[in-house]
């Protein structure tokens, strides 16, 4: 997810020269990367951090996908992936409770 988010931000920047896309992609990618580090090191709040990153990504991409009429592949794909990842990480959080 970290790499996918980063790649999405870079792709958005490359296509439209959108600085906000680049910054958001790097930020969300970094958050996913940090979550992965926390999970790998068996530290607290790794899965919760990934849930937050998924919520941010979904919150940014779902309105874009809807606005495009679900015709632009990047926002639609990122929306679906963010929801799937979010669901997975929520399940992990619940499992550890």
C-alpha atoms as a PDB file:
ATOM      1  CA  UNK A   1       0.000   0.000   0.000  1.00  0.00           C
ATOM      2  CA  UNK A   2       2.874   2.350   0.713  1.00  0.00           C
ATOM      3  CA  UNK A   3       4.309   1.888  -2.762  1.00  0.00           C
ATOM      4  CA  UNK A   4       0.915   2.030  -4.441  1.00  0.00           C
ATOM      5  CA  UNK A   5       0.011   5.272  -2.675  1.00  0.00           C
ATOM      6  CA  UNK A   6       3.349   6.817  -3.512  1.00  0.00           C
ATOM      7  CA  UNK A   7       3.050   5.709  -7.143  1.00  0.00           C
ATOM      8  CA  UNK A   8      -0.460   7.158  -7.337  1.00  0.00           C
ATOM      9  CA  UNK A   9       0.759  10.512  -6.054  1.00  0.00           C
ATOM     10  CA  UNK A  10       3.658  10.563  -8.493  1.00  0.00           C
ATOM     11  CA  UNK A  11       1.352   9.558 -11.370  1.00  0.00           C
ATOM     12  CA  UNK A  12      -1.084  12.319 -10.457  1.00  0.00           C
ATOM     13  CA  UNK A  13       1.744  14.809 -10.424  1.00  0.00           C
ATOM     14  CA  UNK A  14       3.180  13.549 -13.711  1.00  0.00           C
ATOM     15  CA  UNK A  15      -0.156  13.833 -15.497  1.00  0.00           C
ATOM     16  CA  UNK A  16      -1.456  17.127 -14.186  1.00  0.00           C
ATOM     17  CA  UNK A  17       1.502  18.715 -12.388  1.00  0.00           C
ATOM     18  CA  UNK A  18      -0.622  18.606  -9.242  1.00  0.00           C
ATOM     19  CA  UNK A  19       1.533  19.349  -6.215  1.00  0.00           C
ATOM     20  CA  UNK A  20      -1.314  18.343  -3.838  1.00  0.00           C
ATOM     21  CA  UNK A  21      -1.436  14.886  -5.466  1.00  0.00           C
ATOM     22  CA  UNK A  22       2.283  14.456  -4.984  1.00  0.00           C
ATOM     23  CA  UNK A  23       2.208  15.649  -1.374  1.00  0.00           C
ATOM     24  CA  UNK A  24      -0.819  13.490  -0.537  1.00  0.00           C
ATOM     25  CA  UNK A  25       0.706  10.428  -2.207  1.00  0.00           C
ATOM     26  CA  UNK A  26       3.967  10.854  -0.332  1.00  0.00           C
ATOM     27  CA  UNK A  27       2.152  11.522   2.963  1.00  0.00           C
ATOM     28  CA  UNK A  28      -0.233   8.565   2.738  1.00  0.00           C
ATOM     29  CA  UNK A  29       2.538   6.325   1.404  1.00  0.00           C
ATOM     30  CA  UNK A  30       4.740   7.334   4.309  1.00  0.00           C
ATOM     31  CA  UNK A  31       1.940   6.638   6.771  1.00  0.00           C
ATOM     32  CA  UNK A  32       1.452   3.160   5.292  1.00  0.00           C
ATOM     33  CA  UNK A  33       5.215   2.632   5.380  1.00  0.00           C
ATOM     34  CA  UNK A  34       5.357   3.619   9.031  1.00  0.00           C
ATOM     35  CA  UNK A  35       2.439   1.296   9.780  1.00  0.00           C
ATOM     36  CA  UNK A  36       4.294  -1.530   8.043  1.00  0.00           C
ATOM     37  CA  UNK A  37       7.374  -0.811  10.124  1.00  0.00           C
ATOM     38  CA  UNK A  38       5.332  -0.892  13.332  1.00  0.00           C
ATOM     39  CA  UNK A  39       3.689  -4.186  12.360  1.00  0.00           C
ATOM     40  CA  UNK A  40       7.002  -5.739  11.313  1.00  0.00           C
ATOM     41  CA  UNK A  41       8.684  -4.715  14.561  1.00  0.00           C
ATOM     42  CA  UNK A  42       5.664  -5.971  16.544  1.00  0.00           C
ATOM     43  CA  UNK A  43       5.127  -2.534  18.052  1.00  0.00           C
ATOM     44  CA  UNK A  44       1.847  -1.016  19.176  1.00  0.00           C
ATOM     45  CA  UNK A  45      -0.606   0.758  16.869  1.00  0.00           C
ATOM     46  CA  UNK A  46       0.708  -0.557  13.545  1.00  0.00           C
ATOM     47  CA  UNK A  47      -2.638  -1.806  12.298  1.00  0.00           C
ATOM     48  CA  UNK A  48      -4.425   1.223  13.700  1.00  0.00           C
ATOM     49  CA  UNK A  49      -2.042   3.494  11.795  1.00  0.00           C
ATOM     50  CA  UNK A  50      -2.820   1.564   8.613  1.00  0.00           C
ATOM     51  CA  UNK A  51      -6.563   2.024   9.263  1.00  0.00           C
ATOM     52  CA  UNK A  52      -6.006   5.778   9.499  1.00  0.00           C
ATOM     53  CA  UNK A  53      -3.992   5.780   6.263  1.00  0.00           C
ATOM     54  CA  UNK A  54      -6.745   3.781   4.534  1.00  0.00           C
ATOM     55  CA  UNK A  55      -9.408   6.184   5.786  1.00  0.00           C
ATOM     56  CA  UNK A  56      -7.446   9.183   4.516  1.00  0.00           C
ATOM     57  CA  UNK A  57      -6.891   7.557   1.131  1.00  0.00           C
ATOM     58  CA  UNK A  58     -10.516   6.472   0.808  1.00  0.00           C
ATOM     59  CA  UNK A  59     -11.724   9.885   1.942  1.00  0.00           C
ATOM     60  CA  UNK A  60      -9.704  11.539  -0.803  1.00  0.00           C
ATOM     61  CA  UNK A  61     -10.313   9.041  -3.611  1.00  0.00           C
ATOM     62  CA  UNK A  62     -13.983   8.071  -3.254  1.00  0.00           C
ATOM     63  CA  UNK A  63     -15.304  11.605  -3.958  1.00  0.00           C
ATOM     64  CA  UNK A  64     -13.013  11.808  -7.005  1.00  0.00           C
ATOM     65  CA  UNK A  65     -14.246   8.459  -8.271  1.00  0.00           C
ATOM     66  CA  UNK A  66     -17.866   9.534  -7.833  1.00  0.00           C
ATOM     67  CA  UNK A  67     -17.234  12.905  -9.466  1.00  0.00           C
ATOM     68  CA  UNK A  68     -15.707  11.197 -12.515  1.00  0.00           C
ATOM     69  CA  UNK A  69     -18.736   8.944 -12.845  1.00  0.00           C
ATOM     70  CA  UNK A  70     -16.474   5.981 -12.074  1.00  0.00           C
ATOM     71  CA  UNK A  71     -14.803   6.446 -15.461  1.00  0.00           C
ATOM     72  CA  UNK A  72     -11.283   7.416 -14.400  1.00  0.00           C
ATOM     73  CA  UNK A  73      -9.339   4.286 -13.483  1.00  0.00           C
ATOM     74  CA  UNK A  74      -6.924   5.759 -10.925  1.00  0.00           C
ATOM     75  CA  UNK A  75      -9.474   7.170  -8.449  1.00  0.00           C
ATOM     76  CA  UNK A  76     -11.714   4.121  -8.819  1.00  0.00           C
ATOM     77  CA  UNK A  77      -8.854   1.668  -8.312  1.00  0.00           C
ATOM     78  CA  UNK A  78      -7.403   3.594  -5.388  1.00  0.00           C
ATOM     79  CA  UNK A  79     -10.869   3.810  -3.786  1.00  0.00           C
ATOM     80  CA  UNK A  80     -11.421   0.063  -4.043  1.00  0.00           C
ATOM     81  CA  UNK A  81      -7.926  -0.732  -2.789  1.00  0.00           C
ATOM     82  CA  UNK A  82      -8.234   1.734   0.114  1.00  0.00           C
ATOM     83  CA  UNK A  83     -11.552   0.192   1.173  1.00  0.00           C
ATOM     84  CA  UNK A  84     -10.165  -3.349   0.893  1.00  0.00           C
ATOM     85  CA  UNK A  85      -7.020  -2.477   2.842  1.00  0.00           C
ATOM     86  CA  UNK A  86      -9.062  -0.599   5.426  1.00  0.00           C
ATOM     87  CA  UNK A  87     -11.341  -3.597   5.894  1.00  0.00           C
ATOM     88  CA  UNK A  88      -8.352  -5.888   6.294  1.00  0.00           C
ATOM     89  CA  UNK A  89      -6.686  -3.672   8.875  1.00  0.00           C
ATOM     90  CA  UNK A  90      -9.925  -3.132  10.811  1.00  0.00           C
ATOM     91  CA  UNK A  91     -10.266  -6.922  11.006  1.00  0.00           C
ATOM     92  CA  UNK A  92      -6.683  -7.165  12.280  1.00  0.00           C
ATOM     93  CA  UNK A  93      -7.392  -4.543  14.955  1.00  0.00           C
ATOM     94  CA  UNK A  94     -10.496  -6.444  16.057  1.00  0.00           C
ATOM     95  CA  UNK A  95      -8.598  -9.757  16.099  1.00  0.00           C
ATOM     96  CA  UNK A  96      -5.979  -8.329  18.452  1.00  0.00           C
ATOM     97  CA  UNK A  97      -8.533  -6.940  20.914  1.00  0.00           C
END
